[in-house]
């Protein structure tokens, strides 16, 4: 069984093209921009909600709403035009809001990397209430954490010179909306540095970095 899993991982890596930014692989066959894309993401875990309370107080109890709007904003700002010259349509859905009942996260299997093709669509599809799209971006295991310089043992000078970093980590995969074949898969660790303390702009720039890293190497962005 272990040898089979190793073969599947090797097979996946060998036949998928790599991209920079995050640890990901995009299929070489995916070379046309879709007419529409839907982003489905599970509940983000914020390790220090005090940062949210300080910088995004209106979203303390609805952080996923803010993530939804930020994803949509930065994706729409960068998408290519489709074959007929129209911009790619973008939908962003927080799961399980797009579903009636069920677990609050996707089954990622032992690899936690959405390795098997069509994994996402093998569930209880009759309860899915997601928008129709040519391509789906499925995001899971989202964690946002703040690592300040003082916790790295660099002392006061280091903290003054470099306050710390805000990280956005996740696993994700792209799927063809019609065939459900996997178009790409990856793990993300986007970051944004700050001085003295985290600000609202730090959060916004982190989300922009995360979006750019995820879509780098795909035919979706300009």
Protein backbone atom coordinates (compact mmCIF):
# COMPACT_ATOMS: atom_id res chain seq x y z
CA UNK A 1 0.00 0.00 0.00
CA UNK A 2 2.82 2.41 0.87
CA UNK A 3 4.56 1.65 -2.41
CA UNK A 4 1.31 2.37 -4.27
CA UNK A 5 0.97 5.74 -2.55
CA UNK A 6 4.57 6.56 -3.41
CA UNK A 7 3.94 5.67 -7.04
CA UNK A 8 0.85 7.90 -7.13
CA UNK A 9 2.77 10.82 -5.68
CA UNK A 10 5.67 10.28 -8.11
CA UNK A 11 3.29 9.91 -11.03
CA UNK A 12 1.52 13.13 -10.10
CA UNK A 13 4.73 15.10 -9.69
CA UNK A 14 6.26 13.75 -12.89
CA UNK A 15 3.36 14.62 -15.15
CA UNK A 16 2.46 18.01 -13.71
CA UNK A 17 4.36 21.20 -14.38
CA UNK A 18 5.74 23.13 -11.41
CA UNK A 19 5.05 26.77 -10.61
CA UNK A 20 6.75 29.30 -8.39
CA UNK A 21 5.28 31.11 -5.37
CA UNK A 22 3.79 28.14 -3.56
CA UNK A 23 4.59 24.43 -3.61
CA UNK A 24 2.29 23.51 -6.48
CA UNK A 25 1.96 21.66 -9.76
CA UNK A 26 -0.21 22.76 -12.67
CA UNK A 27 -1.16 20.45 -15.52
CA UNK A 28 0.62 21.29 -18.78
CA UNK A 29 -2.67 20.56 -20.57
CA UNK A 30 -4.39 23.46 -18.81
CA UNK A 31 -3.48 26.29 -21.15
CA UNK A 32 -6.78 28.07 -21.85
CA UNK A 33 -8.43 30.61 -19.52
CA UNK A 34 -11.85 29.40 -18.30
CA UNK A 35 -15.00 31.45 -18.80
CA UNK A 36 -15.73 31.22 -15.09
CA UNK A 37 -14.09 30.08 -11.86
CA UNK A 38 -15.56 29.31 -8.45
CA UNK A 39 -13.45 29.40 -5.28
CA UNK A 40 -14.66 27.15 -2.47
CA UNK A 41 -12.89 27.48 0.88
CA UNK A 42 -13.38 26.01 4.35
CA UNK A 43 -13.33 27.83 7.70
CA UNK A 44 -10.01 29.64 8.16
CA UNK A 45 -8.26 29.17 11.51
CA UNK A 46 -6.75 32.39 12.86
CA UNK A 47 -4.26 31.54 15.60
CA UNK A 48 -4.40 35.00 17.17
CA UNK A 49 -7.89 36.50 16.96
CA UNK A 50 -6.65 39.53 18.91
CA UNK A 51 -5.06 40.70 15.64
CA UNK A 52 -8.45 40.48 13.92
CA UNK A 53 -10.10 42.36 16.79
CA UNK A 54 -7.49 45.12 16.51
CA UNK A 55 -7.35 45.49 12.72
CA UNK A 56 -10.66 44.13 11.41
CA UNK A 57 -13.02 44.58 14.39
CA UNK A 58 -16.17 44.46 12.28
CA UNK A 59 -15.23 40.93 11.14
CA UNK A 60 -14.39 39.32 14.49
CA UNK A 61 -17.52 37.16 14.26
CA UNK A 62 -17.61 36.93 10.47
CA UNK A 63 -13.98 36.59 9.38
CA UNK A 64 -14.92 34.29 6.48
CA UNK A 65 -17.05 37.09 5.04
CA UNK A 66 -13.96 39.29 4.87
CA UNK A 67 -11.91 36.47 3.29
CA UNK A 68 -14.66 35.99 0.68
CA UNK A 69 -14.66 39.66 -0.33
CA UNK A 70 -10.85 39.90 -0.40
CA UNK A 71 -10.47 36.78 -2.55
CA UNK A 72 -13.08 38.02 -4.99
CA UNK A 73 -11.55 41.52 -5.15
CA UNK A 74 -8.01 40.37 -5.91
CA UNK A 75 -9.01 37.61 -8.31
CA UNK A 76 -11.29 39.91 -10.33
CA UNK A 77 -8.51 42.52 -10.49
CA UNK A 78 -6.12 40.08 -12.17
CA UNK A 79 -8.11 37.65 -14.33
CA UNK A 80 -7.59 37.43 -18.07
CA UNK A 81 -10.27 37.92 -20.64
CA UNK A 82 -11.96 34.79 -21.97
CA UNK A 83 -12.01 33.58 -25.55
CA UNK A 84 -14.77 36.02 -26.52
CA UNK A 85 -13.06 38.99 -24.88
CA UNK A 86 -15.20 38.95 -21.74
CA UNK A 87 -13.63 38.83 -18.30
CA UNK A 88 -13.62 35.53 -16.43
CA UNK A 89 -16.57 35.28 -14.06
CA UNK A 90 -15.60 34.84 -10.41
CA UNK A 91 -17.61 33.34 -7.55
CA UNK A 92 -16.27 32.80 -4.02
CA UNK A 93 -18.15 30.54 -1.61
CA UNK A 94 -17.41 29.84 2.04
CA UNK A 95 -18.02 26.17 2.85
CA UNK A 96 -20.18 24.91 4.54
CA UNK A 97 -22.31 27.98 3.74
CA UNK A 98 -22.79 26.56 0.25
CA UNK A 99 -24.03 23.26 1.58
CA UNK A 100 -26.88 21.95 3.72
CA UNK A 101 -25.30 19.98 6.55
CA UNK A 102 -22.21 17.82 6.39
CA UNK A 103 -18.70 18.19 7.81
CA UNK A 104 -16.95 21.54 8.03
CA UNK A 105 -13.89 20.49 6.04
CA UNK A 106 -13.14 18.46 2.95
CA UNK A 107 -11.74 14.94 3.11
CA UNK A 108 -8.11 15.30 2.10
CA UNK A 109 -7.14 11.64 2.61
CA UNK A 110 -3.89 10.62 4.28
CA UNK A 111 -1.77 12.80 2.02
CA UNK A 112 -3.76 15.93 3.02
CA UNK A 113 -3.03 17.14 -0.51
CA UNK A 114 -6.11 16.25 -2.56
CA UNK A 115 -3.95 13.71 -4.36
CA UNK A 116 -6.65 11.57 -5.94
CA UNK A 117 -8.44 13.04 -8.92
CA UNK A 118 -12.15 13.73 -8.41
CA UNK A 119 -11.84 13.35 -4.62
CA UNK A 120 -13.81 16.52 -4.01
CA UNK A 121 -16.69 15.43 -6.23
CA UNK A 122 -16.90 11.91 -4.80
CA UNK A 123 -18.87 13.11 -1.75
CA UNK A 124 -22.55 13.69 -1.17
CA UNK A 125 -23.08 15.85 -4.21
CA UNK A 126 -26.84 16.15 -3.79
CA UNK A 127 -26.23 18.53 -0.89
CA UNK A 128 -23.76 20.67 -2.78
CA UNK A 129 -25.07 24.15 -3.55
CA UNK A 130 -22.05 25.59 -5.29
CA UNK A 131 -22.23 27.88 -8.33
CA UNK A 132 -21.61 26.32 -11.72
CA UNK A 133 -18.16 27.09 -13.10
CA UNK A 134 -15.70 25.96 -15.75
CA UNK A 135 -12.99 25.63 -13.10
CA UNK A 136 -13.17 25.13 -9.34
CA UNK A 137 -10.48 26.15 -6.87
CA UNK A 138 -10.94 24.12 -3.68
CA UNK A 139 -9.10 25.39 -0.57
CA UNK A 140 -8.82 23.59 2.77
CA UNK A 141 -6.72 23.51 5.96
CA UNK A 142 -6.47 27.31 5.97
CA UNK A 143 -4.44 28.72 8.85
CA UNK A 144 -3.41 32.33 9.42
CA UNK A 145 -0.72 32.94 12.00
CA UNK A 146 1.42 35.80 13.24
CA UNK A 147 5.11 35.13 13.89
CA UNK A 148 6.75 38.19 15.44
CA UNK A 149 10.49 38.74 15.60
CA UNK A 150 10.62 38.55 19.38
CA UNK A 151 9.50 34.92 19.26
CA UNK A 152 12.43 34.17 16.94
CA UNK A 153 14.99 35.24 19.53
CA UNK A 154 16.36 38.19 17.56
CA UNK A 155 16.01 40.67 20.43
CA UNK A 156 14.77 44.26 20.53
CA UNK A 157 16.88 45.48 17.60
CA UNK A 158 15.60 42.70 15.40
CA UNK A 159 12.02 43.52 16.37
CA UNK A 160 12.57 47.19 15.51
CA UNK A 161 14.16 46.33 12.15
CA UNK A 162 11.60 43.64 11.32
CA UNK A 163 8.47 43.32 13.44
CA UNK A 164 7.39 39.95 12.12
CA UNK A 165 5.42 38.12 9.45
CA UNK A 166 1.78 37.25 8.93
CA UNK A 167 1.36 33.87 7.22
CA UNK A 168 -1.50 32.39 5.18
CA UNK A 169 -1.21 28.60 4.84
CA UNK A 170 -3.54 26.25 2.97
CA UNK A 171 -3.83 23.22 0.73
CA UNK A 172 -5.67 23.61 -2.56
CA UNK A 173 -6.53 22.06 -5.90
CA UNK A 174 -7.99 23.19 -9.22
CA UNK A 175 -10.63 21.02 -10.92
CA UNK A 176 -12.25 21.05 -14.34
CA UNK A 177 -15.91 21.95 -13.76
CA UNK A 178 -17.16 19.53 -16.44
CA UNK A 179 -14.89 16.49 -16.29
CA UNK A 180 -13.92 16.94 -12.61
CA UNK A 181 -10.35 16.09 -13.55
CA UNK A 182 -7.73 17.73 -11.39
CA UNK A 183 -5.88 20.58 -13.14
CA UNK A 184 -3.46 21.46 -10.36
CA UNK A 185 -2.68 20.84 -6.72
CA UNK A 186 -0.52 22.53 -4.12
CA UNK A 187 0.26 23.79 -0.65
CA UNK A 188 0.46 27.50 0.07
CA UNK A 189 2.50 29.57 2.49
CA UNK A 190 2.05 33.21 1.60
CA UNK A 191 3.42 35.88 3.92
CA UNK A 192 3.52 39.61 4.50
CA UNK A 193 6.11 41.34 6.69
CA UNK A 194 5.25 44.12 9.11
CA UNK A 195 7.06 46.60 11.38
CA UNK A 196 6.02 47.38 14.97
CA UNK A 197 2.65 45.66 14.59
CA UNK A 198 0.05 44.15 12.28
CA UNK A 199 -2.23 46.69 10.55
CA UNK A 200 -5.28 46.39 8.31
CA UNK A 201 -3.03 46.93 5.28
CA UNK A 202 -0.93 43.91 6.39
CA UNK A 203 -4.00 41.67 6.17
CA UNK A 204 -4.96 43.07 2.78
CA UNK A 205 -1.47 42.64 1.34
CA UNK A 206 -1.31 39.10 2.75
CA UNK A 207 -4.51 38.18 0.91
CA UNK A 208 -3.19 39.73 -2.31
CA UNK A 209 0.04 37.71 -1.97
CA UNK A 210 -1.92 34.51 -1.31
CA UNK A 211 -4.07 34.99 -4.41
CA UNK A 212 -1.04 35.75 -6.60
CA UNK A 213 0.83 32.67 -5.33
CA UNK A 214 -2.11 30.33 -5.88
CA UNK A 215 -2.79 31.46 -9.45
CA UNK A 216 0.80 31.82 -10.58
CA UNK A 217 1.45 29.42 -13.45
CA UNK A 218 -2.23 29.08 -14.35
CA UNK A 219 -3.92 30.52 -17.45
CA UNK A 220 -6.38 32.43 -15.23
CA UNK A 221 -4.29 35.52 -14.47
CA UNK A 222 -2.91 38.12 -16.89
